[in-house]
Amino acid sequence: MSPNETSADHESTAYLLDRLAIADVMARYCRGIDRTDEQLVRSCFTADATDQHGSFNGTIDEFIAWAFRLLQKYDSTMHLIANHLAEVVGENAVAETYGIAFHRSDDPDPKRNLTVGFRYIDRLVKVNGEWKIAERVATTEWVQAKVAESHWSIPENSAIGERSHDDAIFRFLEHLHKH
């Protein structure tokens, strides 16, 4: 809580709804990255957003081109988000989100099989009633490389996540919105 805010500010329904909406932006971003859904990722950012992400630093358009080129090198990714704090003042917010990202490939190169601890530090703005990331700094907190021999095969009959709109979540969402 900032020095100018009262506890009543943090307890208002609007404040709680804003915090929930901001957390949803983070979850939508992770889904977009893991399902390689460029449109979903783009929807999380303002048109003039910037992102400093690992070795990348640039506009959101440049980030998306860079990220989706890298994502093609992996068979799967999974971004798990955990601790999430957001401070909201009017139509501006700052959020800090901790997470772990798993990157997997059949390629034995450790760069293609790693786990990264990260934080998303975001400045958000409310645009037409919707929260969007205007500026992001994605910090790397730690990296752990895995060797290909440590992978366990997924059983043949298992449902497997798809890195496209063929994933079950999109079928379920389509069904939901038809009713």
C-alpha atoms as a PDB file:
ATOM      1  CA  MET A   1       0.000   0.000   0.000  1.00  0.00           C
ATOM      2  CA  SER A   2       1.433   3.385  -0.931  1.00  0.00           C
ATOM      3  CA  PRO A   3       1.657   6.143   1.714  1.00  0.00           C
ATOM      4  CA  ASN A   4      -1.253   8.085   0.152  1.00  0.00           C
ATOM      5  CA  GLU A   5      -3.697   5.178   0.146  1.00  0.00           C
ATOM      6  CA  THR A   6      -6.011   4.132   2.924  1.00  0.00           C
ATOM      7  CA  SER A   7      -7.021   0.606   3.803  1.00  0.00           C
ATOM      8  CA  ALA A   8     -10.481   1.454   2.456  1.00  0.00           C
ATOM      9  CA  ASP A   9      -8.925   1.956  -1.004  1.00  0.00           C
ATOM     10  CA  HIS A  10      -7.617  -1.611  -0.930  1.00  0.00           C
ATOM     11  CA  GLU A  11     -10.926  -3.042   0.205  1.00  0.00           C
ATOM     12  CA  SER A  12     -13.115  -1.494  -2.486  1.00  0.00           C
ATOM     13  CA  THR A  13     -14.805  -3.792  -4.931  1.00  0.00           C
ATOM     14  CA  ALA A  14     -13.412  -1.823  -7.866  1.00  0.00           C
ATOM     15  CA  TYR A  15      -9.875  -2.223  -6.559  1.00  0.00           C
ATOM     16  CA  LEU A  16     -10.315  -5.977  -6.133  1.00  0.00           C
ATOM     17  CA  LEU A  17     -11.829  -6.308  -9.613  1.00  0.00           C
ATOM     18  CA  ASP A  18      -8.899  -4.372 -11.084  1.00  0.00           C
ATOM     19  CA  ARG A  19      -6.405  -6.632  -9.309  1.00  0.00           C
ATOM     20  CA  LEU A  20      -8.205  -9.737 -10.586  1.00  0.00           C
ATOM     21  CA  ALA A  21      -8.287  -8.342 -14.133  1.00  0.00           C
ATOM     22  CA  ILE A  22      -4.543  -7.634 -13.968  1.00  0.00           C
ATOM     23  CA  ALA A  23      -3.857 -11.194 -12.764  1.00  0.00           C
ATOM     24  CA  ASP A  24      -5.932 -12.419 -15.723  1.00  0.00           C
ATOM     25  CA  VAL A  25      -3.701 -10.435 -18.115  1.00  0.00           C
ATOM     26  CA  MET A  26      -0.702 -12.341 -16.756  1.00  0.00           C
ATOM     27  CA  ALA A  27      -2.440 -15.713 -17.142  1.00  0.00           C
ATOM     28  CA  ARG A  28      -3.623 -14.878 -20.688  1.00  0.00           C
ATOM     29  CA  TYR A  29      -0.073 -13.886 -21.626  1.00  0.00           C
ATOM     30  CA  CYS A  30       1.262 -17.252 -20.376  1.00  0.00           C
ATOM     31  CA  ARG A  31      -1.446 -19.147 -22.255  1.00  0.00           C
ATOM     32  CA  GLY A  32      -0.640 -17.203 -25.416  1.00  0.00           C
ATOM     33  CA  ILE A  33       3.071 -17.992 -25.154  1.00  0.00           C
ATOM     34  CA  ASP A  34       2.587 -21.680 -24.319  1.00  0.00           C
ATOM     35  CA  ARG A  35      -0.071 -22.265 -27.008  1.00  0.00           C
ATOM     36  CA  THR A  36       1.885 -20.091 -29.494  1.00  0.00           C
ATOM     37  CA  ASP A  37      -1.122 -17.794 -29.897  1.00  0.00           C
ATOM     38  CA  GLU A  38       0.359 -14.543 -31.153  1.00  0.00           C
ATOM     39  CA  GLN A  39      -2.986 -12.723 -31.143  1.00  0.00           C
ATOM     40  CA  LEU A  40      -3.604 -13.604 -27.491  1.00  0.00           C
ATOM     41  CA  VAL A  41      -0.136 -12.408 -26.477  1.00  0.00           C
ATOM     42  CA  ARG A  42      -0.588  -9.174 -28.420  1.00  0.00           C
ATOM     43  CA  SER A  43      -3.956  -8.546 -26.716  1.00  0.00           C
ATOM     44  CA  CYS A  44      -2.166  -8.266 -23.358  1.00  0.00           C
ATOM     45  CA  PHE A  45      -0.160  -5.188 -24.417  1.00  0.00           C
ATOM     46  CA  THR A  46      -0.811  -1.637 -25.540  1.00  0.00           C
ATOM     47  CA  ALA A  47       0.068  -0.962 -29.176  1.00  0.00           C
ATOM     48  CA  ASP A  48       3.106   1.100 -28.107  1.00  0.00           C
ATOM     49  CA  ALA A  49       4.283  -1.224 -25.316  1.00  0.00           C
ATOM     50  CA  THR A  50       7.920  -2.063 -24.733  1.00  0.00           C
ATOM     51  CA  ASP A  51       9.453  -5.246 -23.365  1.00  0.00           C
ATOM     52  CA  GLN A  52      12.888  -5.917 -21.918  1.00  0.00           C
ATOM     53  CA  HIS A  53      13.002  -9.706 -21.861  1.00  0.00           C
ATOM     54  CA  GLY A  54      16.251 -11.600 -21.425  1.00  0.00           C
ATOM     55  CA  SER A  55      18.615 -10.496 -24.187  1.00  0.00           C
ATOM     56  CA  PHE A  56      15.770  -8.675 -25.976  1.00  0.00           C
ATOM     57  CA  ASN A  57      14.838  -5.012 -25.534  1.00  0.00           C
ATOM     58  CA  GLY A  58      12.354  -3.312 -27.871  1.00  0.00           C
ATOM     59  CA  THR A  59       8.782  -2.707 -28.950  1.00  0.00           C
ATOM     60  CA  ILE A  60       5.964  -5.194 -28.482  1.00  0.00           C
ATOM     61  CA  ASP A  61       5.924  -5.947 -32.218  1.00  0.00           C
ATOM     62  CA  GLU A  62       9.652  -6.664 -32.162  1.00  0.00           C
ATOM     63  CA  PHE A  63       9.254  -8.750 -28.988  1.00  0.00           C
ATOM     64  CA  ILE A  64       6.512 -10.901 -30.476  1.00  0.00           C
ATOM     65  CA  ALA A  65       8.581 -11.571 -33.614  1.00  0.00           C
ATOM     66  CA  TRP A  66      11.615 -12.433 -31.451  1.00  0.00           C
ATOM     67  CA  ALA A  67       9.693 -14.608 -28.965  1.00  0.00           C
ATOM     68  CA  PHE A  68       7.748 -16.586 -31.544  1.00  0.00           C
ATOM     69  CA  ARG A  69      10.930 -17.280 -33.508  1.00  0.00           C
ATOM     70  CA  LEU A  70      12.474 -18.696 -30.295  1.00  0.00           C
ATOM     71  CA  LEU A  71       9.352 -20.656 -29.353  1.00  0.00           C
ATOM     72  CA  GLN A  72       9.637 -22.670 -32.580  1.00  0.00           C
ATOM     73  CA  LYS A  73      12.881 -24.175 -31.230  1.00  0.00           C
ATOM     74  CA  TYR A  74      11.019 -25.923 -28.385  1.00  0.00           C
ATOM     75  CA  ASP A  75       8.635 -28.866 -28.458  1.00  0.00           C
ATOM     76  CA  SER A  76       6.815 -27.412 -25.458  1.00  0.00           C
ATOM     77  CA  THR A  77       6.902 -24.604 -22.950  1.00  0.00           C
ATOM     78  CA  MET A  78       4.956 -24.127 -19.735  1.00  0.00           C
ATOM     79  CA  HIS A  79       4.896 -20.870 -17.810  1.00  0.00           C
ATOM     80  CA  LEU A  80       3.681 -21.169 -14.229  1.00  0.00           C
ATOM     81  CA  ILE A  81       2.949 -17.946 -12.383  1.00  0.00           C
ATOM     82  CA  ALA A  82       2.905 -17.756  -8.613  1.00  0.00           C
ATOM     83  CA  ASN A  83       3.304 -14.754  -6.316  1.00  0.00           C
ATOM     84  CA  HIS A  84       1.494 -11.805  -7.829  1.00  0.00           C
ATOM     85  CA  LEU A  85       1.288  -8.315  -6.393  1.00  0.00           C
ATOM     86  CA  ALA A  86      -0.406  -5.353  -8.049  1.00  0.00           C
ATOM     87  CA  GLU A  87      -0.801  -1.774  -6.921  1.00  0.00           C
ATOM     88  CA  VAL A  88      -3.570   0.154  -8.637  1.00  0.00           C
ATOM     89  CA  VAL A  89      -3.932   3.918  -8.659  1.00  0.00           C
ATOM     90  CA  GLY A  90      -6.803   5.022 -10.872  1.00  0.00           C
ATOM     91  CA  GLU A  91      -6.195   3.729 -14.385  1.00  0.00           C
ATOM     92  CA  ASN A  92      -2.511   2.963 -13.777  1.00  0.00           C
ATOM     93  CA  ALA A  93      -0.957  -0.025 -12.070  1.00  0.00           C
ATOM     94  CA  VAL A  94       2.329  -1.734 -11.346  1.00  0.00           C
ATOM     95  CA  ALA A  95       2.452  -5.508 -11.017  1.00  0.00           C
ATOM     96  CA  GLU A  96       5.174  -7.940 -10.015  1.00  0.00           C
ATOM     97  CA  THR A  97       4.600 -11.573 -10.938  1.00  0.00           C
ATOM     98  CA  TYR A  98       6.963 -14.418 -10.035  1.00  0.00           C
ATOM     99  CA  GLY A  99       7.084 -17.489 -12.211  1.00  0.00           C
ATOM    100  CA  ILE A 100       8.873 -20.543 -13.517  1.00  0.00           C
ATOM    101  CA  ALA A 101       9.089 -21.367 -17.224  1.00  0.00           C
ATOM    102  CA  PHE A 102       9.862 -24.852 -18.488  1.00  0.00           C
ATOM    103  CA  HIS A 103      11.327 -25.195 -22.000  1.00  0.00           C
ATOM    104  CA  ARG A 104      11.562 -28.675 -23.535  1.00  0.00           C
ATOM    105  CA  SER A 105      12.858 -30.151 -26.759  1.00  0.00           C
ATOM    106  CA  ASP A 106      14.037 -33.488 -28.119  1.00  0.00           C
ATOM    107  CA  ASP A 107      17.251 -31.650 -28.995  1.00  0.00           C
ATOM    108  CA  PRO A 108      19.849 -32.704 -26.374  1.00  0.00           C
ATOM    109  CA  ASP A 109      21.305 -29.152 -26.303  1.00  0.00           C
ATOM    110  CA  PRO A 110      20.864 -27.824 -22.734  1.00  0.00           C
ATOM    111  CA  LYS A 111      19.734 -24.486 -24.245  1.00  0.00           C
ATOM    112  CA  ARG A 112      16.678 -26.342 -25.555  1.00  0.00           C
ATOM    113  CA  ASN A 113      15.894 -28.018 -22.204  1.00  0.00           C
ATOM    114  CA  LEU A 114      15.902 -25.543 -19.390  1.00  0.00           C
ATOM    115  CA  THR A 115      13.881 -24.176 -16.534  1.00  0.00           C
ATOM    116  CA  VAL A 116      13.945 -20.471 -15.766  1.00  0.00           C
ATOM    117  CA  GLY A 117      12.889 -18.646 -12.620  1.00  0.00           C
ATOM    118  CA  PHE A 118      11.661 -15.179 -13.575  1.00  0.00           C
ATOM    119  CA  ARG A 119       9.724 -12.106 -12.551  1.00  0.00           C
ATOM    120  CA  TYR A 120       7.504  -9.982 -14.766  1.00  0.00           C
ATOM    121  CA  ILE A 121       7.650  -6.382 -13.604  1.00  0.00           C
ATOM    122  CA  ASP A 122       4.877  -4.578 -15.441  1.00  0.00           C
ATOM    123  CA  ARG A 123       3.498  -1.083 -15.758  1.00  0.00           C
ATOM    124  CA  LEU A 124      -0.114  -1.357 -16.846  1.00  0.00           C
ATOM    125  CA  VAL A 125      -2.744   1.102 -18.018  1.00  0.00           C
ATOM    126  CA  LYS A 126      -6.488   0.760 -18.379  1.00  0.00           C
ATOM    127  CA  VAL A 127      -7.498   1.238 -22.014  1.00  0.00           C
ATOM    128  CA  ASN A 128     -11.228   1.392 -22.776  1.00  0.00           C
ATOM    129  CA  GLY A 129     -11.930  -0.413 -19.510  1.00  0.00           C
ATOM    130  CA  GLU A 130      -9.347  -3.172 -20.145  1.00  0.00           C
ATOM    131  CA  TRP A 131      -5.958  -3.547 -18.429  1.00  0.00           C
ATOM    132  CA  LYS A 132      -2.964  -3.754 -20.774  1.00  0.00           C
ATOM    133  CA  ILE A 133       0.782  -3.969 -20.218  1.00  0.00           C
ATOM    134  CA  ALA A 134       2.474  -0.727 -21.324  1.00  0.00           C
ATOM    135  CA  GLU A 135       5.989  -1.611 -20.215  1.00  0.00           C
ATOM    136  CA  ARG A 136       7.539  -4.888 -19.098  1.00  0.00           C
ATOM    137  CA  VAL A 137      10.873  -5.886 -17.635  1.00  0.00           C
ATOM    138  CA  ALA A 138      11.190  -9.676 -17.414  1.00  0.00           C
ATOM    139  CA  THR A 139      14.013 -10.498 -15.024  1.00  0.00           C
ATOM    140  CA  THR A 140      15.837 -13.807 -14.954  1.00  0.00           C
ATOM    141  CA  GLU A 141      16.317 -14.967 -11.374  1.00  0.00           C
ATOM    142  CA  TRP A 142      17.936 -18.349 -12.107  1.00  0.00           C
ATOM    143  CA  VAL A 143      18.326 -20.951 -14.871  1.00  0.00           C
ATOM    144  CA  GLN A 144      18.633 -24.707 -14.610  1.00  0.00           C
ATOM    145  CA  ALA A 145      19.509 -26.815 -17.659  1.00  0.00           C
ATOM    146  CA  LYS A 146      18.235 -30.379 -17.990  1.00  0.00           C
ATOM    147  CA  VAL A 147      19.770 -33.177 -19.969  1.00  0.00           C
ATOM    148  CA  ALA A 148      17.591 -34.991 -22.481  1.00  0.00           C
ATOM    149  CA  GLU A 149      18.109 -38.313 -20.666  1.00  0.00           C
ATOM    150  CA  SER A 150      16.152 -36.968 -17.697  1.00  0.00           C
ATOM    151  CA  HIS A 151      12.944 -36.699 -19.759  1.00  0.00           C
ATOM    152  CA  TRP A 152      10.209 -39.220 -19.151  1.00  0.00           C
ATOM    153  CA  SER A 153       8.150 -40.276 -22.155  1.00  0.00           C
ATOM    154  CA  ILE A 154       4.491 -39.308 -22.125  1.00  0.00           C
ATOM    155  CA  PRO A 155       2.295 -42.417 -22.418  1.00  0.00           C
ATOM    156  CA  GLU A 156       0.808 -42.908 -25.885  1.00  0.00           C
ATOM    157  CA  ASN A 157      -2.838 -42.642 -24.745  1.00  0.00           C
ATOM    158  CA  SER A 158      -2.352 -39.380 -22.810  1.00  0.00           C
ATOM    159  CA  ALA A 159      -3.921 -36.089 -23.778  1.00  0.00           C
ATOM    160  CA  ILE A 160      -1.031 -33.873 -24.770  1.00  0.00           C
ATOM    161  CA  GLY A 161      -1.046 -30.086 -24.855  1.00  0.00           C
ATOM    162  CA  GLU A 162      -0.916 -28.614 -28.346  1.00  0.00           C
ATOM    163  CA  ARG A 163       1.017 -25.459 -29.155  1.00  0.00           C
ATOM    164  CA  SER A 164      -1.788 -24.180 -31.368  1.00  0.00           C
ATOM    165  CA  HIS A 165      -5.536 -23.652 -31.460  1.00  0.00           C
ATOM    166  CA  ASP A 166      -5.842 -27.449 -31.684  1.00  0.00           C
ATOM    167  CA  ASP A 167      -5.351 -27.525 -27.891  1.00  0.00           C
ATOM    168  CA  ALA A 168      -8.377 -28.672 -25.876  1.00  0.00           C
ATOM    169  CA  ILE A 169      -8.757 -25.279 -24.155  1.00  0.00           C
ATOM    170  CA  PHE A 170      -9.813 -23.653 -27.415  1.00  0.00           C
ATOM    171  CA  ARG A 171     -12.411 -26.359 -28.134  1.00  0.00           C
ATOM    172  CA  PHE A 172     -13.834 -25.889 -24.630  1.00  0.00           C
ATOM    173  CA  LEU A 173     -13.881 -22.089 -25.016  1.00  0.00           C
ATOM    174  CA  GLU A 174     -15.597 -22.337 -28.390  1.00  0.00           C
ATOM    175  CA  HIS A 175     -18.246 -24.595 -26.857  1.00  0.00           C
ATOM    176  CA  LEU A 176     -18.704 -22.193 -23.930  1.00  0.00           C
ATOM    177  CA  HIS A 177     -19.271 -19.204 -26.205  1.00  0.00           C
ATOM    178  CA  LYS A 178     -21.759 -21.042 -28.437  1.00  0.00           C
ATOM    179  CA  HIS A 179     -24.187 -21.337 -25.496  1.00  0.00           C
END
